[in-house]
PDB file of N, CA and C in Angstrom:
ATOM      1  N   MET A   1       3.756 -14.500 -20.301  1.00  0.00           N
ATOM      2  CA  MET A   1       3.913 -14.489 -19.264  1.00  0.00           C
ATOM      3  C   MET A   1       4.296 -13.019 -18.255  1.00  0.00           C
ATOM      4  N   ASN A   2       3.428 -12.574 -17.476  1.00  0.00           N
ATOM      5  CA  ASN A   2       3.943 -11.328 -17.059  1.00  0.00           C
ATOM      6  C   ASN A   2       5.341 -11.385 -16.273  1.00  0.00           C
ATOM      7  N   SER A   3       6.520 -10.592 -16.533  1.00  0.00           N
ATOM      8  CA  SER A   3       8.056 -10.781 -15.889  1.00  0.00           C
ATOM      9  C   SER A   3       7.413 -10.040 -14.886  1.00  0.00           C
ATOM     10  N   ASN A   4       6.581  -8.986 -14.413  1.00  0.00           N
ATOM     11  CA  ASN A   4       6.456  -8.688 -13.153  1.00  0.00           C
ATOM     12  C   ASN A   4       4.634  -8.850 -12.539  1.00  0.00           C
ATOM     13  N   PRO A   5       4.799 -10.123 -11.293  1.00  0.00           N
ATOM     14  CA  PRO A   5       3.914 -10.706 -11.411  1.00  0.00           C
ATOM     15  C   PRO A   5       3.019  -9.740  -9.841  1.00  0.00           C
ATOM     16  N   ILE A   6       2.159 -10.190 -10.099  1.00  0.00           N
ATOM     17  CA  ILE A   6       1.282  -9.238  -8.664  1.00  0.00           C
ATOM     18  C   ILE A   6       1.876 -10.052  -7.671  1.00  0.00           C
ATOM     19  N   LYS A   7       1.575  -9.015  -6.509  1.00  0.00           N
ATOM     20  CA  LYS A   7       1.914  -9.665  -5.005  1.00  0.00           C
ATOM     21  C   LYS A   7       1.688  -8.958  -4.232  1.00  0.00           C
ATOM     22  N   PHE A   8       0.412  -9.496  -3.667  1.00  0.00           N
ATOM     23  CA  PHE A   8      -0.270  -9.046  -2.526  1.00  0.00           C
ATOM     24  C   PHE A   8       0.722  -9.400  -1.269  1.00  0.00           C
ATOM     25  N   VAL A   9       0.735  -7.876  -0.341  1.00  0.00           N
ATOM     26  CA  VAL A   9       1.456  -7.576   0.769  1.00  0.00           C
ATOM     27  C   VAL A   9       0.311  -7.812   2.066  1.00  0.00           C
ATOM     28  N   ASN A  10       0.467  -7.922   3.288  1.00  0.00           N
ATOM     29  CA  ASN A  10      -0.199  -7.847   4.400  1.00  0.00           C
ATOM     30  C   ASN A  10       0.095  -5.970   5.101  1.00  0.00           C
ATOM     31  N   LEU A  11      -0.969  -5.469   5.789  1.00  0.00           N
ATOM     32  CA  LEU A  11      -0.233  -4.969   6.526  1.00  0.00           C
ATOM     33  C   LEU A  11       0.847  -4.188   7.182  1.00  0.00           C
ATOM     34  N   GLN A  12       1.248  -5.466   7.643  1.00  0.00           N
ATOM     35  CA  GLN A  12       2.914  -5.456   8.456  1.00  0.00           C
ATOM     36  C   GLN A  12       3.667  -4.985   7.523  1.00  0.00           C
ATOM     37  N   CYS A  13       3.446  -5.488   6.094  1.00  0.00           N
ATOM     38  CA  CYS A  13       4.532  -5.124   5.236  1.00  0.00           C
ATOM     39  C   CYS A  13       4.061  -3.700   4.940  1.00  0.00           C
ATOM     40  N   VAL A  14       3.106  -3.328   4.581  1.00  0.00           N
ATOM     41  CA  VAL A  14       2.987  -2.189   3.672  1.00  0.00           C
ATOM     42  C   VAL A  14       3.135  -0.887   4.722  1.00  0.00           C
ATOM     43  N   CYS A  15       3.355  -1.493   6.348  1.00  0.00           N
ATOM     44  CA  CYS A  15       4.114  -0.588   7.267  1.00  0.00           C
ATOM     45  C   CYS A  15       5.466   0.007   7.202  1.00  0.00           C
ATOM     46  N   ALA A  16       5.781  -1.800   7.268  1.00  0.00           N
ATOM     47  CA  ALA A  16       7.686  -1.614   7.089  1.00  0.00           C
ATOM     48  C   ALA A  16       7.986  -0.861   5.881  1.00  0.00           C
ATOM     49  N   ARG A  17       7.483  -0.942   4.933  1.00  0.00           N
ATOM     50  CA  ARG A  17       7.643  -0.600   3.763  1.00  0.00           C
ATOM     51  C   ARG A  17       7.793   1.198   3.332  1.00  0.00           C
ATOM     52  N   THR A  18       6.396   1.501   3.874  1.00  0.00           N
ATOM     53  CA  THR A  18       6.559   2.718   4.029  1.00  0.00           C
ATOM     54  C   THR A  18       6.509   3.903   5.316  1.00  0.00           C
ATOM     55  N   SER A  19       6.798   3.009   6.240  1.00  0.00           N
ATOM     56  CA  SER A  19       6.926   3.376   7.821  1.00  0.00           C
ATOM     57  C   SER A  19       5.791   4.264   8.106  1.00  0.00           C
ATOM     58  N   LEU A  20       4.720   4.335   7.830  1.00  0.00           N
ATOM     59  CA  LEU A  20       3.839   4.685   8.503  1.00  0.00           C
ATOM     60  C   LEU A  20       2.819   3.615   9.156  1.00  0.00           C
ATOM     61  N   CYS A  21       2.399   4.095  10.088  1.00  0.00           N
ATOM     62  CA  CYS A  21       1.303   3.694  11.060  1.00  0.00           C
ATOM     63  C   CYS A  21       0.296   2.650  10.738  1.00  0.00           C
ATOM     64  N   LYS A  22      -0.814   1.661  11.222  1.00  0.00           N
ATOM     65  CA  LYS A  22      -1.981   1.511  10.611  1.00  0.00           C
ATOM     66  C   LYS A  22      -2.760   2.154  10.427  1.00  0.00           C
ATOM     67  N   THR A  23      -2.783   3.646  11.477  1.00  0.00           N
ATOM     68  CA  THR A  23      -3.537   4.202  11.288  1.00  0.00           C
ATOM     69  C   THR A  23      -3.696   5.478   9.992  1.00  0.00           C
ATOM     70  N   SER A  24      -2.387   5.941   9.691  1.00  0.00           N
ATOM     71  CA  SER A  24      -2.512   6.468   8.584  1.00  0.00           C
ATOM     72  C   SER A  24      -2.697   5.253   7.358  1.00  0.00           C
ATOM     73  N   VAL A  25      -2.021   4.429   7.825  1.00  0.00           N
ATOM     74  CA  VAL A  25      -2.695   3.408   5.972  1.00  0.00           C
ATOM     75  C   VAL A  25      -3.999   3.735   5.675  1.00  0.00           C
ATOM     76  N   TYR A  26      -5.153   3.427   6.618  1.00  0.00           N
ATOM     77  CA  TYR A  26      -6.491   3.480   6.432  1.00  0.00           C
ATOM     78  C   TYR A  26      -6.704   4.803   6.180  1.00  0.00           C
ATOM     79  N   THR A  27      -6.041   6.012   6.705  1.00  0.00           N
ATOM     80  CA  THR A  27      -6.753   7.121   6.832  1.00  0.00           C
ATOM     81  C   THR A  27      -6.522   8.375   5.800  1.00  0.00           C
ATOM     82  N   ILE A  28      -4.926   7.802   5.282  1.00  0.00           N
ATOM     83  CA  ILE A  28      -4.273   9.037   4.088  1.00  0.00           C
ATOM     84  C   ILE A  28      -4.874   9.023   3.131  1.00  0.00           C
ATOM     85  N   PRO A  29      -6.068   9.715   2.429  1.00  0.00           N
ATOM     86  CA  PRO A  29      -7.239   9.826   1.047  1.00  0.00           C
ATOM     87  C   PRO A  29      -7.059   8.837  -0.166  1.00  0.00           C
ATOM     88  N   ASP A  30      -5.574   9.336  -0.521  1.00  0.00           N
ATOM     89  CA  ASP A  30      -4.894   8.859  -1.428  1.00  0.00           C
ATOM     90  C   ASP A  30      -4.034   7.442  -1.471  1.00  0.00           C
ATOM     91  N   PHE A  31      -4.166   6.968  -0.196  1.00  0.00           N
ATOM     92  CA  PHE A  31      -3.472   5.555   0.028  1.00  0.00           C
ATOM     93  C   PHE A  31      -3.722   4.549  -0.896  1.00  0.00           C
ATOM     94  N   PRO A  32      -3.417   3.903  -1.687  1.00  0.00           N
ATOM     95  CA  PRO A  32      -4.088   2.453  -2.081  1.00  0.00           C
ATOM     96  C   PRO A  32      -4.694   1.873  -1.205  1.00  0.00           C
ATOM     97  N   ARG A  33      -5.884   1.323  -1.748  1.00  0.00           N
ATOM     98  CA  ARG A  33      -7.137   0.500  -0.884  1.00  0.00           C
ATOM     99  C   ARG A  33      -6.877  -0.851  -0.955  1.00  0.00           C
ATOM    100  N   PRO A  34      -7.133  -1.355  -0.009  1.00  0.00           N
ATOM    101  CA  PRO A  34      -6.742  -3.213   0.016  1.00  0.00           C
ATOM    102  C   PRO A  34      -7.444  -3.702  -0.415  1.00  0.00           C
ATOM    103  N   ILE A  35      -7.588  -4.570  -0.254  1.00  0.00           N
ATOM    104  CA  ILE A  35      -8.678  -5.675  -1.119  1.00  0.00           C
ATOM    105  C   ILE A  35      -8.499  -7.147  -0.107  1.00  0.00           C
ATOM    106  N   LYS A  36      -9.855  -7.002   0.153  1.00  0.00           N
ATOM    107  CA  LYS A  36     -10.726  -8.216   1.213  1.00  0.00           C
ATOM    108  C   LYS A  36     -10.127  -9.459   0.211  1.00  0.00           C
ATOM    109  N   ILE A  37      -9.526 -10.285   1.132  1.00  0.00           N
ATOM    110  CA  ILE A  37      -9.396 -11.745   0.719  1.00  0.00           C
ATOM    111  C   ILE A  37     -10.060 -12.641   1.885  1.00  0.00           C
ATOM    112  N   GLY A  38     -10.238 -13.524   1.679  1.00  0.00           N
ATOM    113  CA  GLY A  38     -10.836 -14.331   2.409  1.00  0.00           C
ATOM    114  C   GLY A  38     -12.592 -14.784   2.633  1.00  0.00           C
ATOM    115  N   GLY A  39     -13.481 -14.774   3.757  1.00  0.00           N
ATOM    116  CA  GLY A  39     -14.306 -14.660   4.031  1.00  0.00           C
ATOM    117  C   GLY A  39     -14.920 -13.762   4.302  1.00  0.00           C
ATOM    118  N   ALA A  40     -16.455 -13.433   4.635  1.00  0.00           N
ATOM    119  CA  ALA A  40     -17.106 -12.579   4.840  1.00  0.00           C
ATOM    120  C   ALA A  40     -16.496 -12.255   6.477  1.00  0.00           C
ATOM    121  N   GLY A  41     -16.856 -12.766   7.012  1.00  0.00           N
ATOM    122  CA  GLY A  41     -16.015 -12.725   8.813  1.00  0.00           C
ATOM    123  C   GLY A  41     -13.996 -12.839   8.909  1.00  0.00           C
ATOM    124  N   ALA A  42     -13.841 -12.484   7.434  1.00  0.00           N
ATOM    125  CA  ALA A  42     -12.179 -12.106   8.048  1.00  0.00           C
ATOM    126  C   ALA A  42     -11.954 -10.774   8.347  1.00  0.00           C
ATOM    127  N   THR A  43     -10.898 -10.997   9.488  1.00  0.00           N
ATOM    128  CA  THR A  43     -10.095  -9.944  10.453  1.00  0.00           C
ATOM    129  C   THR A  43      -9.564  -9.050   9.067  1.00  0.00           C
ATOM    130  N   ALA A  44      -9.389  -7.501  10.092  1.00  0.00           N
ATOM    131  CA  ALA A  44      -8.713  -6.810   8.623  1.00  0.00           C
ATOM    132  C   ALA A  44      -7.214  -6.935   8.729  1.00  0.00           C
ATOM    133  N   GLN A  45      -6.760  -7.796   9.318  1.00  0.00           N
ATOM    134  CA  GLN A  45      -5.730  -8.186   9.627  1.00  0.00           C
ATOM    135  C   GLN A  45      -5.332  -9.063   8.648  1.00  0.00           C
ATOM    136  N   GLY A  46      -6.283 -10.040   8.991  1.00  0.00           N
ATOM    137  CA  GLY A  46      -6.458 -11.807   8.149  1.00  0.00           C
ATOM    138  C   GLY A  46      -7.007 -11.469   6.401  1.00  0.00           C
ATOM    139  N   GLY A  47      -7.699 -10.280   7.174  1.00  0.00           N
ATOM    140  CA  GLY A  47      -8.455 -10.917   5.554  1.00  0.00           C
ATOM    141  C   GLY A  47      -7.895  -8.973   4.267  1.00  0.00           C
ATOM    142  N   ALA A  48      -7.232  -8.768   4.376  1.00  0.00           N
ATOM    143  CA  ALA A  48      -6.880  -7.329   3.906  1.00  0.00           C
ATOM    144  C   ALA A  48      -5.457  -7.709   3.309  1.00  0.00           C
ATOM    145  N   ARG A  49      -5.505  -6.673   2.202  1.00  0.00           N
ATOM    146  CA  ARG A  49      -4.053  -7.337   1.744  1.00  0.00           C
ATOM    147  C   ARG A  49      -4.106  -5.973   0.126  1.00  0.00           C
ATOM    148  N   TRP A  50      -3.152  -5.528   0.188  1.00  0.00           N
ATOM    149  CA  TRP A  50      -2.507  -4.862  -0.704  1.00  0.00           C
ATOM    150  C   TRP A  50      -1.644  -5.184  -1.699  1.00  0.00           C
ATOM    151  N   ILE A  51      -2.371  -4.965  -2.834  1.00  0.00           N
ATOM    152  CA  ILE A  51      -1.579  -4.519  -4.587  1.00  0.00           C
ATOM    153  C   ILE A  51       0.105  -4.267  -4.134  1.00  0.00           C
ATOM    154  N   GLU A  52       1.592  -4.643  -4.241  1.00  0.00           N
ATOM    155  CA  GLU A  52       2.162  -4.654  -3.279  1.00  0.00           C
ATOM    156  C   GLU A  52       2.604  -3.059  -4.564  1.00  0.00           C
ATOM    157  N   GLY A  53       2.763  -3.413  -6.063  1.00  0.00           N
ATOM    158  CA  GLY A  53       2.809  -2.521  -7.102  1.00  0.00           C
ATOM    159  C   GLY A  53       1.948  -1.047  -6.800  1.00  0.00           C
ATOM    160  N   ASP A  54       0.749  -1.027  -6.251  1.00  0.00           N
ATOM    161  CA  ASP A  54       0.387  -0.241  -5.964  1.00  0.00           C
ATOM    162  C   ASP A  54       0.926   0.587  -5.029  1.00  0.00           C
ATOM    163  N   VAL A  55       1.310  -0.264  -3.852  1.00  0.00           N
ATOM    164  CA  VAL A  55       1.791   1.118  -2.535  1.00  0.00           C
ATOM    165  C   VAL A  55       3.192   1.697  -2.663  1.00  0.00           C
ATOM    166  N   VAL A  56       4.323   0.669  -4.072  1.00  0.00           N
ATOM    167  CA  VAL A  56       5.394   1.317  -4.761  1.00  0.00           C
ATOM    168  C   VAL A  56       4.919   2.404  -5.815  1.00  0.00           C
ATOM    169  N   ASP A  57       4.262   2.154  -6.455  1.00  0.00           N
ATOM    170  CA  ASP A  57       3.523   3.647  -6.693  1.00  0.00           C
ATOM    171  C   ASP A  57       2.887   4.707  -6.288  1.00  0.00           C
ATOM    172  N   TRP A  58       2.285   4.308  -5.257  1.00  0.00           N
ATOM    173  CA  TRP A  58       2.177   5.694  -4.050  1.00  0.00           C
ATOM    174  C   TRP A  58       3.567   6.522  -3.679  1.00  0.00           C
ATOM    175  N   MET A  59       4.244   5.970  -3.154  1.00  0.00           N
ATOM    176  CA  MET A  59       5.060   6.240  -2.937  1.00  0.00           C
ATOM    177  C   MET A  59       6.478   7.106  -4.141  1.00  0.00           C
ATOM    178  N   GLN A  60       6.463   5.993  -5.083  1.00  0.00           N
ATOM    179  CA  GLN A  60       6.955   7.370  -6.027  1.00  0.00           C
ATOM    180  C   GLN A  60       6.405   8.285  -6.367  1.00  0.00           C
ATOM    181  N   SER A  61       4.714   8.669  -6.188  1.00  0.00           N
ATOM    182  CA  SER A  61       4.164   9.456  -6.609  1.00  0.00           C
ATOM    183  C   SER A  61       4.418  10.748  -5.713  1.00  0.00           C
ATOM    184  N   ARG A  62       4.977  10.016  -4.319  1.00  0.00           N
ATOM    185  CA  ARG A  62       5.064  10.866  -3.189  1.00  0.00           C
ATOM    186  C   ARG A  62       6.815  11.777  -3.595  1.00  0.00           C
ATOM    187  N   ILE A  63       7.189  10.508  -4.007  1.00  0.00           N
ATOM    188  CA  ILE A  63       9.115  11.186  -4.514  1.00  0.00           C
ATOM    189  C   ILE A  63       8.722  12.236  -5.848  1.00  0.00           C
ATOM    190  N   SER A  64       7.468  12.198  -6.982  1.00  0.00           N
ATOM    191  CA  SER A  64       7.624  13.089  -8.109  1.00  0.00           C
ATOM    192  C   SER A  64       6.862  14.135  -7.267  1.00  0.00           C
ATOM    193  N   MET A  65       6.120  14.447  -6.162  1.00  0.00           N
ATOM    194  CA  MET A  65       5.235  15.602  -5.768  1.00  0.00           C
ATOM    195  C   MET A  65       6.226  16.554  -5.461  1.00  0.00           C
ATOM    196  N   ARG A  66       7.585  15.726  -4.524  1.00  0.00           N
ATOM    197  CA  ARG A  66       8.435  16.692  -3.970  1.00  0.00           C
ATOM    198  C   ARG A  66       9.382  17.201  -4.826  1.00  0.00           C
ATOM    199  N   ASP A  67      10.105  15.968  -6.098  1.00  0.00           N
ATOM    200  CA  ASP A  67      10.771  16.986  -6.779  1.00  0.00           C
ATOM    201  C   ASP A  67      10.482  17.766  -7.770  1.00  0.00           C
ATOM    202  N   ALA A  68       9.320  17.421  -8.324  1.00  0.00           N
ATOM    203  CA  ALA A  68       7.996  19.109  -8.945  1.00  0.00           C
ATOM    204  C   ALA A  68       7.747  20.422  -7.892  1.00  0.00           C
ATOM    205  N   LYS A  69       8.224  20.440  -7.075  1.00  0.00           N
ATOM    206  CA  LYS A  69       8.346  20.871  -5.712  1.00  0.00           C
ATOM    207  C   LYS A  69       9.607  21.946  -5.720  1.00  0.00           C
ATOM    208  N   GLY A  70      10.660  21.254  -6.149  1.00  0.00           N
ATOM    209  CA  GLY A  70      11.785  21.613  -6.194  1.00  0.00           C
ATOM    210  C   GLY A  70      12.660  20.801  -4.527  1.00  0.00           C
ATOM    211  N   GLY A  71      12.388  20.229  -4.340  1.00  0.00           N
ATOM    212  CA  GLY A  71      12.734  19.771  -2.362  1.00  0.00           C
ATOM    213  C   GLY A  71      13.824  18.578  -3.233  1.00  0.00           C
ATOM    214  N   ARG A  72      13.967  17.855  -2.582  1.00  0.00           N
ATOM    215  CA  ARG A  72      15.261  16.761  -2.347  1.00  0.00           C
ATOM    216  C   ARG A  72      15.548  16.786  -0.826  1.00  0.00           C
TER     217      ARG A  72
END
């Protein structure tokens, strides 16, 4: 069994975790793309989820980019 289970998180959780607004989550080119869940008529909020690990990896990449440039 995988010790790090996959967890889906909604937009509200992504915004809280990253301090990004909804618009930024959808417009930052390299931000992880959501997974659509539910039926074809699912709304963006109700039908979109992000893989928590992908969001954490994206945040870590930002820290790595900062550190590579010598900032802190």
